[in-house]
Amino acid sequence: MKNHPTRRQFLKTSTVAASALGFPSILSSRSSGAPAKDGVLRVAQIGCGRIAKGMDIPGVLRHPKLARFVGVADVDSWRAEQGRKWIQSSYKKSLGEAPEIAVTGNYKELIERDDVDAISISTPDFWHAQPIIEAALAGKHIYVQKPLTLTLEEGIAVDRIVRAKKRILQIGSQQRSTEQFHRACQLVRNGRIGKVHTIKVG
């Protein structure tokens, strides 16, 4: 596969992806994805469940001078409201004030906002590709939990569209960089557990 698809190939793939994933044909005209004038990245959180609460939301909250939430979305209204309360409570402590946090059951409302620079996606595994593509087309940078996509076709569509829109896309595989994983690799590679003859992955 060529690293740089022709215009015809890109349009063909984009059309297939659009029909397969169902993203809207009319999106925000904003495409710069540049942070606000104060240099703070405005982030919208899609999904407020276990992964968001355990990893993604705390990661942004730790750096209020670099990035701040402006909205949360979840199809479960209770989860969305809990996410809002938690974020506001955190900002009350770190910033001395609780800024307004938008709450919605429809993540597309956040993607369409002009004051959103980046999207954090913590949805179930089957629902990553579509919001990634919608966010990229709307000019947003994207952080998404693994897996990136469920099929090769979705992966190709995501790759081409994110590259074409020149957006930053990061996949949450940071767990593999933590100390215990490094230690386990060292033990195995240095023969400390003996000769490996069987590996089971669950």
N, C-alpha and C. Protein backbone atom coordinates (compact mmCIF):
# COMPACT_ATOMS: atom_id res chain seq x y z
N MET A 1 0.83 -1.19 0.00
CA MET A 1 0.00 0.00 0.00
C MET A 1 0.88 1.25 0.00
N LYS A 2 0.51 2.22 -0.79
CA LYS A 2 1.28 3.45 -0.87
C LYS A 2 1.11 4.26 0.41
N ASN A 3 2.18 4.96 0.81
CA ASN A 3 2.09 5.81 1.99
C ASN A 3 1.21 7.02 1.75
N HIS A 4 1.20 7.50 0.52
CA HIS A 4 0.41 8.68 0.18
C HIS A 4 -0.61 8.29 -0.89
N PRO A 5 -1.87 8.06 -0.49
CA PRO A 5 -2.87 7.67 -1.47
C PRO A 5 -3.16 8.80 -2.46
N THR A 6 -3.56 8.42 -3.67
CA THR A 6 -3.95 9.43 -4.64
C THR A 6 -5.27 10.04 -4.20
N ARG A 7 -5.61 11.16 -4.80
CA ARG A 7 -6.88 11.82 -4.47
C ARG A 7 -8.05 10.87 -4.73
N ARG A 8 -7.98 10.15 -5.82
CA ARG A 8 -9.05 9.21 -6.16
C ARG A 8 -9.19 8.12 -5.09
N GLN A 9 -8.03 7.57 -4.65
CA GLN A 9 -8.06 6.53 -3.62
C GLN A 9 -8.62 7.08 -2.31
N PHE A 10 -8.19 8.29 -1.96
CA PHE A 10 -8.67 8.88 -0.72
C PHE A 10 -10.18 9.10 -0.74
N LEU A 11 -10.67 9.67 -1.84
CA LEU A 11 -12.10 9.92 -1.94
C LEU A 11 -12.90 8.63 -1.92
N LYS A 12 -12.35 7.59 -2.57
CA LYS A 12 -13.03 6.31 -2.58
C LYS A 12 -13.12 5.74 -1.17
N THR A 13 -11.98 5.76 -0.45
CA THR A 13 -11.95 5.25 0.91
C THR A 13 -12.84 6.08 1.83
N SER A 14 -12.79 7.39 1.68
CA SER A 14 -13.60 8.28 2.52
C SER A 14 -15.08 8.04 2.29
N THR A 15 -15.47 7.84 1.04
CA THR A 15 -16.87 7.60 0.72
C THR A 15 -17.34 6.28 1.33
N VAL A 16 -16.50 5.26 1.21
CA VAL A 16 -16.84 3.96 1.80
C VAL A 16 -16.95 4.10 3.31
N ALA A 17 -15.98 4.80 3.92
CA ALA A 17 -16.00 4.98 5.37
C ALA A 17 -17.23 5.76 5.80
N ALA A 18 -17.59 6.79 5.03
CA ALA A 18 -18.75 7.60 5.39
C ALA A 18 -20.03 6.78 5.40
N SER A 19 -20.19 5.94 4.38
CA SER A 19 -21.40 5.14 4.31
C SER A 19 -21.39 4.04 5.36
N ALA A 20 -20.20 3.49 5.64
CA ALA A 20 -20.10 2.40 6.61
C ALA A 20 -20.26 2.90 8.03
N LEU A 21 -19.68 4.06 8.33
CA LEU A 21 -19.68 4.55 9.70
C LEU A 21 -20.79 5.56 9.98
N GLY A 22 -21.36 6.10 8.94
CA GLY A 22 -22.50 6.98 9.10
C GLY A 22 -22.19 8.36 9.66
N PHE A 23 -20.97 8.88 9.44
CA PHE A 23 -20.70 10.20 9.99
C PHE A 23 -21.36 11.28 9.14
N PRO A 24 -21.66 12.43 9.75
CA PRO A 24 -22.41 13.47 9.05
C PRO A 24 -21.61 14.10 7.93
N SER A 25 -22.32 14.59 6.92
CA SER A 25 -21.65 15.22 5.79
C SER A 25 -21.43 16.71 6.03
N ILE A 26 -22.10 17.28 7.02
CA ILE A 26 -21.94 18.70 7.34
C ILE A 26 -21.30 18.79 8.72
N LEU A 27 -20.11 19.38 8.78
CA LEU A 27 -19.37 19.48 10.03
C LEU A 27 -18.89 20.90 10.25
N SER A 28 -18.38 21.15 11.43
CA SER A 28 -17.86 22.47 11.76
C SER A 28 -16.78 22.88 10.77
N SER A 29 -16.73 24.16 10.43
CA SER A 29 -15.73 24.65 9.49
C SER A 29 -14.37 24.82 10.13
N ARG A 30 -14.31 24.76 11.46
CA ARG A 30 -13.02 24.93 12.14
C ARG A 30 -12.09 23.77 11.81
N SER A 31 -10.86 24.07 11.45
CA SER A 31 -9.94 23.00 11.09
C SER A 31 -8.55 23.18 11.68
N SER A 32 -8.32 24.26 12.40
CA SER A 32 -6.96 24.51 12.90
C SER A 32 -6.62 23.65 14.10
N GLY A 33 -7.58 23.44 15.00
CA GLY A 33 -7.32 22.66 16.20
C GLY A 33 -6.32 23.32 17.12
N ALA A 34 -6.08 24.62 16.96
CA ALA A 34 -5.11 25.33 17.80
C ALA A 34 -5.72 25.64 19.16
N PRO A 35 -4.91 25.59 20.23
CA PRO A 35 -5.44 25.91 21.55
C PRO A 35 -5.93 27.34 21.62
N ALA A 36 -6.71 27.64 22.65
CA ALA A 36 -7.22 28.99 22.84
C ALA A 36 -6.05 29.95 23.08
N LYS A 37 -6.34 31.23 23.08
CA LYS A 37 -5.29 32.25 23.20
C LYS A 37 -4.49 32.12 24.49
N ASP A 38 -5.11 31.57 25.55
CA ASP A 38 -4.39 31.42 26.80
C ASP A 38 -3.47 30.20 26.80
N GLY A 39 -3.42 29.47 25.66
CA GLY A 39 -2.52 28.33 25.53
C GLY A 39 -3.04 27.06 26.15
N VAL A 40 -4.26 27.07 26.67
CA VAL A 40 -4.85 25.89 27.30
C VAL A 40 -5.69 25.13 26.28
N LEU A 41 -5.44 23.83 26.18
CA LEU A 41 -6.18 22.97 25.27
C LEU A 41 -7.56 22.68 25.85
N ARG A 42 -8.61 22.93 25.10
CA ARG A 42 -9.99 22.69 25.56
C ARG A 42 -10.41 21.29 25.12
N VAL A 43 -10.76 20.46 26.09
CA VAL A 43 -11.01 19.05 25.85
C VAL A 43 -12.46 18.69 26.13
N ALA A 44 -13.03 17.84 25.27
CA ALA A 44 -14.36 17.27 25.50
C ALA A 44 -14.20 15.77 25.73
N GLN A 45 -14.85 15.26 26.75
CA GLN A 45 -14.77 13.85 27.11
C GLN A 45 -15.98 13.10 26.57
N ILE A 46 -15.74 12.06 25.77
CA ILE A 46 -16.82 11.21 25.26
C ILE A 46 -16.77 9.88 26.00
N GLY A 47 -17.77 9.61 26.80
CA GLY A 47 -17.80 8.41 27.62
C GLY A 47 -17.30 8.71 29.01
N CYS A 48 -18.12 8.43 30.03
CA CYS A 48 -17.76 8.74 31.41
C CYS A 48 -17.84 7.51 32.30
N GLY A 49 -17.50 6.36 31.74
CA GLY A 49 -17.56 5.11 32.50
C GLY A 49 -16.27 4.77 33.21
N ARG A 50 -16.04 3.47 33.42
CA ARG A 50 -14.92 2.98 34.22
C ARG A 50 -13.56 3.45 33.72
N ILE A 51 -13.31 3.30 32.43
CA ILE A 51 -12.00 3.68 31.88
C ILE A 51 -11.80 5.19 31.97
N ALA A 52 -12.84 5.94 31.68
CA ALA A 52 -12.74 7.40 31.76
C ALA A 52 -12.44 7.83 33.19
N LYS A 53 -13.15 7.25 34.15
CA LYS A 53 -12.97 7.63 35.55
C LYS A 53 -11.63 7.16 36.10
N GLY A 54 -11.18 5.99 35.65
CA GLY A 54 -9.96 5.43 36.19
C GLY A 54 -8.69 5.96 35.56
N MET A 55 -8.77 6.40 34.30
CA MET A 55 -7.55 6.79 33.59
C MET A 55 -7.65 8.13 32.86
N ASP A 56 -8.61 8.23 31.96
CA ASP A 56 -8.60 9.34 31.01
C ASP A 56 -8.92 10.70 31.63
N ILE A 57 -9.99 10.77 32.40
CA ILE A 57 -10.34 12.05 33.03
C ILE A 57 -9.27 12.49 34.03
N PRO A 58 -8.80 11.59 34.92
CA PRO A 58 -7.74 12.01 35.85
C PRO A 58 -6.48 12.50 35.15
N GLY A 59 -6.16 11.92 33.98
CA GLY A 59 -4.97 12.34 33.25
C GLY A 59 -5.03 13.79 32.82
N VAL A 60 -6.20 14.24 32.41
CA VAL A 60 -6.37 15.64 32.00
C VAL A 60 -6.46 16.55 33.23
N LEU A 61 -7.16 16.07 34.26
CA LEU A 61 -7.33 16.89 35.47
C LEU A 61 -6.01 17.19 36.17
N ARG A 62 -5.01 16.33 35.98
CA ARG A 62 -3.71 16.55 36.63
C ARG A 62 -2.97 17.76 36.07
N HIS A 63 -3.39 18.26 34.91
CA HIS A 63 -2.65 19.35 34.25
C HIS A 63 -3.59 20.50 33.86
N PRO A 64 -4.22 21.15 34.84
CA PRO A 64 -5.20 22.19 34.52
C PRO A 64 -4.63 23.42 33.83
N LYS A 65 -3.31 23.61 33.91
CA LYS A 65 -2.71 24.76 33.23
C LYS A 65 -2.39 24.46 31.77
N LEU A 66 -2.49 23.18 31.39
CA LEU A 66 -2.21 22.79 30.01
C LEU A 66 -3.47 22.41 29.25
N ALA A 67 -4.40 21.75 29.94
CA ALA A 67 -5.62 21.29 29.27
C ALA A 67 -6.77 21.28 30.26
N ARG A 68 -7.96 21.63 29.76
CA ARG A 68 -9.14 21.66 30.64
C ARG A 68 -10.37 21.14 29.90
N PHE A 69 -11.19 20.43 30.64
CA PHE A 69 -12.45 19.95 30.09
C PHE A 69 -13.44 21.10 29.94
N VAL A 70 -14.19 21.06 28.84
CA VAL A 70 -15.28 22.02 28.66
C VAL A 70 -16.62 21.32 28.52
N GLY A 71 -16.58 19.98 28.36
CA GLY A 71 -17.83 19.25 28.22
C GLY A 71 -17.64 17.76 28.35
N VAL A 72 -18.73 17.08 28.70
CA VAL A 72 -18.73 15.62 28.79
C VAL A 72 -19.96 15.09 28.07
N ALA A 73 -19.82 13.88 27.51
CA ALA A 73 -20.94 13.24 26.83
C ALA A 73 -21.00 11.77 27.23
N ASP A 74 -22.20 11.30 27.48
CA ASP A 74 -22.41 9.88 27.74
C ASP A 74 -23.88 9.58 27.49
N VAL A 75 -24.16 8.42 26.92
CA VAL A 75 -25.55 8.05 26.67
C VAL A 75 -26.28 7.79 27.99
N ASP A 76 -25.53 7.50 29.05
CA ASP A 76 -26.09 7.33 30.38
C ASP A 76 -26.05 8.70 31.07
N SER A 77 -27.20 9.32 31.26
CA SER A 77 -27.25 10.68 31.80
C SER A 77 -26.68 10.76 33.22
N TRP A 78 -26.84 9.70 34.01
CA TRP A 78 -26.30 9.69 35.37
C TRP A 78 -24.78 9.74 35.32
N ARG A 79 -24.18 8.92 34.46
CA ARG A 79 -22.72 8.93 34.32
C ARG A 79 -22.21 10.28 33.86
N ALA A 80 -22.91 10.86 32.90
CA ALA A 80 -22.49 12.16 32.38
C ALA A 80 -22.52 13.21 33.49
N GLU A 81 -23.58 13.20 34.28
CA GLU A 81 -23.71 14.17 35.36
C GLU A 81 -22.66 13.95 36.45
N GLN A 82 -22.38 12.69 36.75
CA GLN A 82 -21.33 12.40 37.72
C GLN A 82 -19.97 12.88 37.21
N GLY A 83 -19.73 12.71 35.91
CA GLY A 83 -18.49 13.20 35.31
C GLY A 83 -18.36 14.71 35.45
N ARG A 84 -19.46 15.40 35.18
CA ARG A 84 -19.46 16.87 35.30
C ARG A 84 -19.14 17.30 36.73
N LYS A 85 -19.82 16.69 37.70
CA LYS A 85 -19.63 17.06 39.11
C LYS A 85 -18.18 16.81 39.54
N TRP A 86 -17.63 15.68 39.12
CA TRP A 86 -16.26 15.33 39.51
C TRP A 86 -15.27 16.34 38.94
N ILE A 87 -15.45 16.66 37.65
CA ILE A 87 -14.54 17.61 36.98
C ILE A 87 -14.63 18.98 37.65
N GLN A 88 -15.84 19.45 37.90
CA GLN A 88 -16.00 20.75 38.54
C GLN A 88 -15.39 20.77 39.94
N SER A 89 -15.57 19.68 40.68
CA SER A 89 -15.00 19.59 42.02
C SER A 89 -13.47 19.66 41.97
N SER A 90 -12.89 18.97 40.99
CA SER A 90 -11.44 18.97 40.84
C SER A 90 -10.92 20.36 40.50
N TYR A 91 -11.61 21.06 39.59
CA TYR A 91 -11.18 22.40 39.20
C TYR A 91 -11.37 23.41 40.34
N LYS A 92 -12.36 23.17 41.18
CA LYS A 92 -12.57 24.04 42.34
C LYS A 92 -11.33 24.00 43.23
N LYS A 93 -10.73 22.80 43.35
CA LYS A 93 -9.53 22.64 44.18
C LYS A 93 -8.28 23.18 43.48
N SER A 94 -8.12 22.84 42.20
CA SER A 94 -6.88 23.20 41.50
C SER A 94 -6.87 24.63 40.96
N LEU A 95 -8.02 25.16 40.59
CA LEU A 95 -8.09 26.49 39.99
C LEU A 95 -8.76 27.52 40.88
N GLY A 96 -9.43 27.04 41.93
CA GLY A 96 -10.14 27.96 42.82
C GLY A 96 -11.51 28.34 42.31
N GLU A 97 -11.92 27.74 41.21
CA GLU A 97 -13.25 28.01 40.65
C GLU A 97 -13.75 26.77 39.92
N ALA A 98 -15.06 26.69 39.76
CA ALA A 98 -15.66 25.56 39.06
C ALA A 98 -16.27 26.05 37.75
N PRO A 99 -15.53 25.98 36.64
CA PRO A 99 -16.05 26.47 35.36
C PRO A 99 -17.23 25.64 34.88
N GLU A 100 -18.03 26.21 34.04
CA GLU A 100 -19.18 25.52 33.48
C GLU A 100 -18.72 24.35 32.61
N ILE A 101 -19.30 23.19 32.81
CA ILE A 101 -18.98 22.00 32.01
C ILE A 101 -20.26 21.56 31.31
N ALA A 102 -20.24 21.55 29.99
CA ALA A 102 -21.41 21.13 29.22
C ALA A 102 -21.66 19.64 29.40
N VAL A 103 -22.91 19.24 29.46
CA VAL A 103 -23.29 17.83 29.60
C VAL A 103 -24.29 17.49 28.51
N THR A 104 -24.03 16.37 27.82
CA THR A 104 -24.93 15.96 26.74
C THR A 104 -24.93 14.45 26.58
N GLY A 105 -26.01 13.95 26.02
CA GLY A 105 -26.08 12.53 25.70
C GLY A 105 -25.65 12.27 24.28
N ASN A 106 -25.40 13.33 23.53
CA ASN A 106 -25.01 13.22 22.12
C ASN A 106 -23.63 13.83 21.93
N TYR A 107 -22.62 12.98 21.78
CA TYR A 107 -21.23 13.46 21.68
C TYR A 107 -21.02 14.38 20.48
N LYS A 108 -21.84 14.26 19.45
CA LYS A 108 -21.65 15.08 18.26
C LYS A 108 -21.82 16.57 18.57
N GLU A 109 -22.62 16.88 19.59
CA GLU A 109 -22.79 18.28 19.99
C GLU A 109 -21.47 18.88 20.47
N LEU A 110 -20.64 18.06 21.13
CA LEU A 110 -19.35 18.55 21.60
C LEU A 110 -18.35 18.67 20.45
N ILE A 111 -18.37 17.69 19.55
CA ILE A 111 -17.46 17.72 18.40
C ILE A 111 -17.70 18.96 17.54
N GLU A 112 -18.94 19.39 17.45
CA GLU A 112 -19.29 20.52 16.60
C GLU A 112 -18.95 21.88 17.23
N ARG A 113 -18.62 21.88 18.50
CA ARG A 113 -18.34 23.16 19.17
C ARG A 113 -17.02 23.75 18.72
N ASP A 114 -17.01 25.05 18.48
CA ASP A 114 -15.79 25.73 18.04
C ASP A 114 -14.78 25.92 19.16
N ASP A 115 -15.22 25.85 20.41
CA ASP A 115 -14.29 26.06 21.52
C ASP A 115 -13.66 24.75 22.01
N VAL A 116 -13.88 23.66 21.29
CA VAL A 116 -13.27 22.37 21.64
C VAL A 116 -12.07 22.12 20.72
N ASP A 117 -10.90 21.90 21.31
CA ASP A 117 -9.68 21.65 20.55
C ASP A 117 -9.39 20.16 20.39
N ALA A 118 -9.75 19.39 21.41
CA ALA A 118 -9.41 17.96 21.42
C ALA A 118 -10.53 17.14 22.03
N ILE A 119 -10.59 15.89 21.59
CA ILE A 119 -11.61 14.95 22.06
C ILE A 119 -10.93 13.77 22.73
N SER A 120 -11.43 13.38 23.90
CA SER A 120 -10.96 12.17 24.58
C SER A 120 -12.08 11.14 24.48
N ILE A 121 -11.78 10.00 23.86
CA ILE A 121 -12.80 8.98 23.59
C ILE A 121 -12.59 7.77 24.48
N SER A 122 -13.56 7.52 25.38
CA SER A 122 -13.50 6.39 26.30
C SER A 122 -14.79 5.58 26.18
N THR A 123 -15.16 5.28 24.96
CA THR A 123 -16.38 4.55 24.69
C THR A 123 -16.08 3.05 24.60
N PRO A 124 -17.12 2.20 24.53
CA PRO A 124 -16.87 0.76 24.36
C PRO A 124 -16.06 0.49 23.09
N ASP A 125 -15.39 -0.67 23.06
CA ASP A 125 -14.46 -1.00 21.97
C ASP A 125 -15.06 -0.88 20.57
N PHE A 126 -16.33 -1.20 20.42
CA PHE A 126 -16.93 -1.18 19.08
C PHE A 126 -17.25 0.23 18.60
N TRP A 127 -17.09 1.24 19.46
CA TRP A 127 -17.52 2.59 19.09
C TRP A 127 -16.36 3.57 19.19
N HIS A 128 -15.26 3.26 18.52
CA HIS A 128 -14.11 4.15 18.50
C HIS A 128 -13.95 4.83 17.13
N ALA A 129 -14.06 4.06 16.06
CA ALA A 129 -13.75 4.58 14.73
C ALA A 129 -14.61 5.77 14.33
N GLN A 130 -15.91 5.67 14.55
CA GLN A 130 -16.79 6.75 14.08
C GLN A 130 -16.51 8.08 14.77
N PRO A 131 -16.46 8.14 16.10
CA PRO A 131 -16.15 9.45 16.70
C PRO A 131 -14.75 9.95 16.38
N ILE A 132 -13.79 9.04 16.13
CA ILE A 132 -12.45 9.48 15.72
C ILE A 132 -12.55 10.23 14.39
N ILE A 133 -13.22 9.62 13.44
CA ILE A 133 -13.33 10.21 12.10
C ILE A 133 -14.11 11.52 12.15
N GLU A 134 -15.21 11.53 12.90
CA GLU A 134 -16.00 12.76 13.03
C GLU A 134 -15.18 13.88 13.66
N ALA A 135 -14.42 13.54 14.68
CA ALA A 135 -13.60 14.55 15.35
C ALA A 135 -12.51 15.08 14.42
N ALA A 136 -11.85 14.18 13.70
CA ALA A 136 -10.80 14.61 12.77
C ALA A 136 -11.36 15.52 11.69
N LEU A 137 -12.50 15.16 11.13
CA LEU A 137 -13.11 15.98 10.10
C LEU A 137 -13.54 17.35 10.63
N ALA A 138 -13.81 17.41 11.93
CA ALA A 138 -14.19 18.69 12.54
C ALA A 138 -12.97 19.47 13.02
N GLY A 139 -11.77 18.95 12.75
CA GLY A 139 -10.55 19.68 13.09
C GLY A 139 -10.07 19.50 14.50
N LYS A 140 -10.53 18.45 15.18
CA LYS A 140 -10.11 18.22 16.56
C LYS A 140 -8.96 17.22 16.63
N HIS A 141 -8.11 17.39 17.64
CA HIS A 141 -7.11 16.38 17.95
C HIS A 141 -7.80 15.30 18.79
N ILE A 142 -7.22 14.10 18.83
CA ILE A 142 -7.95 12.97 19.39
C ILE A 142 -7.07 12.10 20.28
N TYR A 143 -7.61 11.76 21.44
CA TYR A 143 -7.04 10.70 22.28
C TYR A 143 -8.11 9.63 22.37
N VAL A 144 -7.74 8.37 22.13
CA VAL A 144 -8.72 7.29 22.16
C VAL A 144 -8.14 6.07 22.86
N GLN A 145 -9.01 5.39 23.57
CA GLN A 145 -8.59 4.16 24.21
C GLN A 145 -8.42 3.05 23.16
N LYS A 146 -7.63 2.04 23.50
CA LYS A 146 -7.48 0.89 22.62
C LYS A 146 -8.74 0.03 22.71
N PRO A 147 -9.07 -0.74 21.68
CA PRO A 147 -8.41 -0.82 20.38
C PRO A 147 -8.78 0.37 19.50
N LEU A 148 -7.87 0.73 18.62
CA LEU A 148 -8.15 1.86 17.73
C LEU A 148 -9.41 1.60 16.92
N THR A 149 -9.46 0.44 16.28
CA THR A 149 -10.64 0.05 15.50
C THR A 149 -10.84 -1.46 15.65
N LEU A 150 -11.94 -1.95 15.11
CA LEU A 150 -12.22 -3.39 15.17
C LEU A 150 -11.92 -4.11 13.86
N THR A 151 -11.82 -3.35 12.75
CA THR A 151 -11.56 -3.98 11.46
C THR A 151 -10.44 -3.24 10.73
N LEU A 152 -9.83 -3.94 9.79
CA LEU A 152 -8.78 -3.33 8.97
C LEU A 152 -9.33 -2.17 8.18
N GLU A 153 -10.54 -2.33 7.64
CA GLU A 153 -11.14 -1.26 6.83
C GLU A 153 -11.33 0.01 7.66
N GLU A 154 -11.81 -0.14 8.89
CA GLU A 154 -11.96 1.03 9.77
C GLU A 154 -10.60 1.67 10.04
N GLY A 155 -9.59 0.83 10.27
CA GLY A 155 -8.25 1.34 10.55
C GLY A 155 -7.69 2.15 9.40
N ILE A 156 -7.89 1.66 8.19
CA ILE A 156 -7.41 2.38 6.99
C ILE A 156 -8.14 3.71 6.85
N ALA A 157 -9.45 3.70 7.08
CA ALA A 157 -10.23 4.94 6.97
C ALA A 157 -9.77 5.96 8.01
N VAL A 158 -9.59 5.50 9.25
CA VAL A 158 -9.13 6.40 10.31
C VAL A 158 -7.76 6.97 9.96
N ASP A 159 -6.84 6.11 9.55
CA ASP A 159 -5.49 6.55 9.22
C ASP A 159 -5.49 7.61 8.12
N ARG A 160 -6.20 7.37 7.06
CA ARG A 160 -6.19 8.30 5.93
C ARG A 160 -6.84 9.63 6.27
N ILE A 161 -7.94 9.57 7.00
CA ILE A 161 -8.65 10.81 7.30
C ILE A 161 -7.89 11.65 8.32
N VAL A 162 -7.34 11.00 9.36
CA VAL A 162 -6.56 11.74 10.36
C VAL A 162 -5.32 12.37 9.72
N ARG A 163 -4.65 11.62 8.84
CA ARG A 163 -3.48 12.17 8.15
C ARG A 163 -3.88 13.31 7.22
N ALA A 164 -4.97 13.13 6.50
CA ALA A 164 -5.40 14.16 5.55
C ALA A 164 -5.76 15.46 6.28
N LYS A 165 -6.36 15.34 7.45
CA LYS A 165 -6.75 16.53 8.22
C LYS A 165 -5.61 17.04 9.10
N LYS A 166 -4.47 16.30 9.09
CA LYS A 166 -3.28 16.69 9.87
C LYS A 166 -3.60 16.88 11.35
N ARG A 167 -4.34 15.91 11.89
CA ARG A 167 -4.68 15.94 13.30
C ARG A 167 -3.73 15.05 14.10
N ILE A 168 -3.61 15.31 15.39
CA ILE A 168 -2.83 14.45 16.27
C ILE A 168 -3.76 13.38 16.82
N LEU A 169 -3.35 12.12 16.72
CA LEU A 169 -4.13 11.00 17.24
C LEU A 169 -3.23 10.17 18.15
N GLN A 170 -3.65 9.99 19.39
CA GLN A 170 -2.91 9.16 20.34
C GLN A 170 -3.80 8.04 20.82
N ILE A 171 -3.24 6.83 20.87
CA ILE A 171 -3.99 5.66 21.35
C ILE A 171 -3.50 5.31 22.75
N GLY A 172 -4.45 5.06 23.65
CA GLY A 172 -4.12 4.82 25.05
C GLY A 172 -3.55 3.45 25.34
N SER A 173 -2.31 3.23 24.96
CA SER A 173 -1.63 1.97 25.28
C SER A 173 -0.53 2.21 26.30
N GLN A 174 -0.68 3.27 27.11
CA GLN A 174 0.37 3.66 28.05
C GLN A 174 0.62 2.62 29.13
N GLN A 175 -0.32 1.73 29.36
CA GLN A 175 -0.14 0.69 30.37
C GLN A 175 1.13 -0.12 30.10
N ARG A 176 1.45 -0.30 28.83
CA ARG A 176 2.62 -1.09 28.46
C ARG A 176 3.94 -0.39 28.82
N SER A 177 3.84 0.87 29.22
CA SER A 177 5.05 1.63 29.57
C SER A 177 5.28 1.70 31.08
N THR A 178 4.40 1.07 31.86
CA THR A 178 4.55 1.16 33.30
C THR A 178 5.61 0.18 33.81
N GLU A 179 6.08 0.46 35.03
CA GLU A 179 7.25 -0.24 35.57
C GLU A 179 7.09 -1.75 35.64
N GLN A 180 5.93 -2.23 36.05
CA GLN A 180 5.77 -3.67 36.21
C GLN A 180 5.86 -4.43 34.89
N PHE A 181 5.43 -3.81 33.79
CA PHE A 181 5.54 -4.45 32.48
C PHE A 181 7.01 -4.52 32.05
N HIS A 182 7.74 -3.44 32.29
CA HIS A 182 9.17 -3.43 31.97
C HIS A 182 9.91 -4.50 32.76
N ARG A 183 9.56 -4.61 34.05
CA ARG A 183 10.21 -5.59 34.91
C ARG A 183 9.92 -7.01 34.42
N ALA A 184 8.67 -7.28 34.07
CA ALA A 184 8.31 -8.60 33.58
C ALA A 184 9.08 -8.95 32.31
N CYS A 185 9.21 -7.97 31.41
CA CYS A 185 9.96 -8.20 30.16
C CYS A 185 11.43 -8.51 30.47
N GLN A 186 12.01 -7.77 31.42
CA GLN A 186 13.41 -8.00 31.79
C GLN A 186 13.60 -9.42 32.32
N LEU A 187 12.68 -9.86 33.17
CA LEU A 187 12.79 -11.19 33.75
C LEU A 187 12.73 -12.28 32.68
N VAL A 188 11.80 -12.12 31.75
CA VAL A 188 11.65 -13.12 30.69
C VAL A 188 12.87 -13.11 29.77
N ARG A 189 13.28 -11.93 29.33
CA ARG A 189 14.38 -11.84 28.36
C ARG A 189 15.72 -12.27 28.93
N ASN A 190 15.86 -12.19 30.23
CA ASN A 190 17.12 -12.61 30.86
C ASN A 190 17.06 -14.02 31.43
N GLY A 191 16.03 -14.76 31.03
CA GLY A 191 15.96 -16.16 31.41
C GLY A 191 15.65 -16.44 32.86
N ARG A 192 15.14 -15.46 33.59
CA ARG A 192 14.88 -15.64 35.02
C ARG A 192 13.70 -16.57 35.30
N ILE A 193 12.85 -16.82 34.31
CA ILE A 193 11.73 -17.74 34.52
C ILE A 193 11.95 -19.07 33.80
N GLY A 194 13.17 -19.25 33.27
CA GLY A 194 13.46 -20.48 32.54
C GLY A 194 13.16 -20.32 31.07
N LYS A 195 13.19 -21.44 30.36
CA LYS A 195 12.94 -21.42 28.93
C LYS A 195 11.42 -21.32 28.66
N VAL A 196 11.06 -20.33 27.88
CA VAL A 196 9.63 -20.14 27.56
C VAL A 196 9.24 -21.10 26.43
N HIS A 197 8.26 -21.92 26.66
CA HIS A 197 7.80 -22.85 25.62
C HIS A 197 6.33 -22.67 25.27
N THR A 198 5.57 -22.00 26.12
CA THR A 198 4.15 -21.78 25.85
C THR A 198 3.75 -20.39 26.34
N ILE A 199 3.01 -19.67 25.50
CA ILE A 199 2.49 -18.36 25.88
C ILE A 199 0.99 -18.37 25.67
N LYS A 200 0.23 -18.03 26.69
CA LYS A 200 -1.23 -17.95 26.58
C LYS A 200 -1.66 -16.49 26.77
N VAL A 201 -2.49 -16.00 25.88
CA VAL A 201 -2.96 -14.63 25.94
C VAL A 201 -4.46 -14.63 26.17
N GLY A 202 -4.91 -13.90 27.19
CA GLY A 202 -6.33 -13.86 27.50
C GLY A 202 -6.91 -12.49 27.29
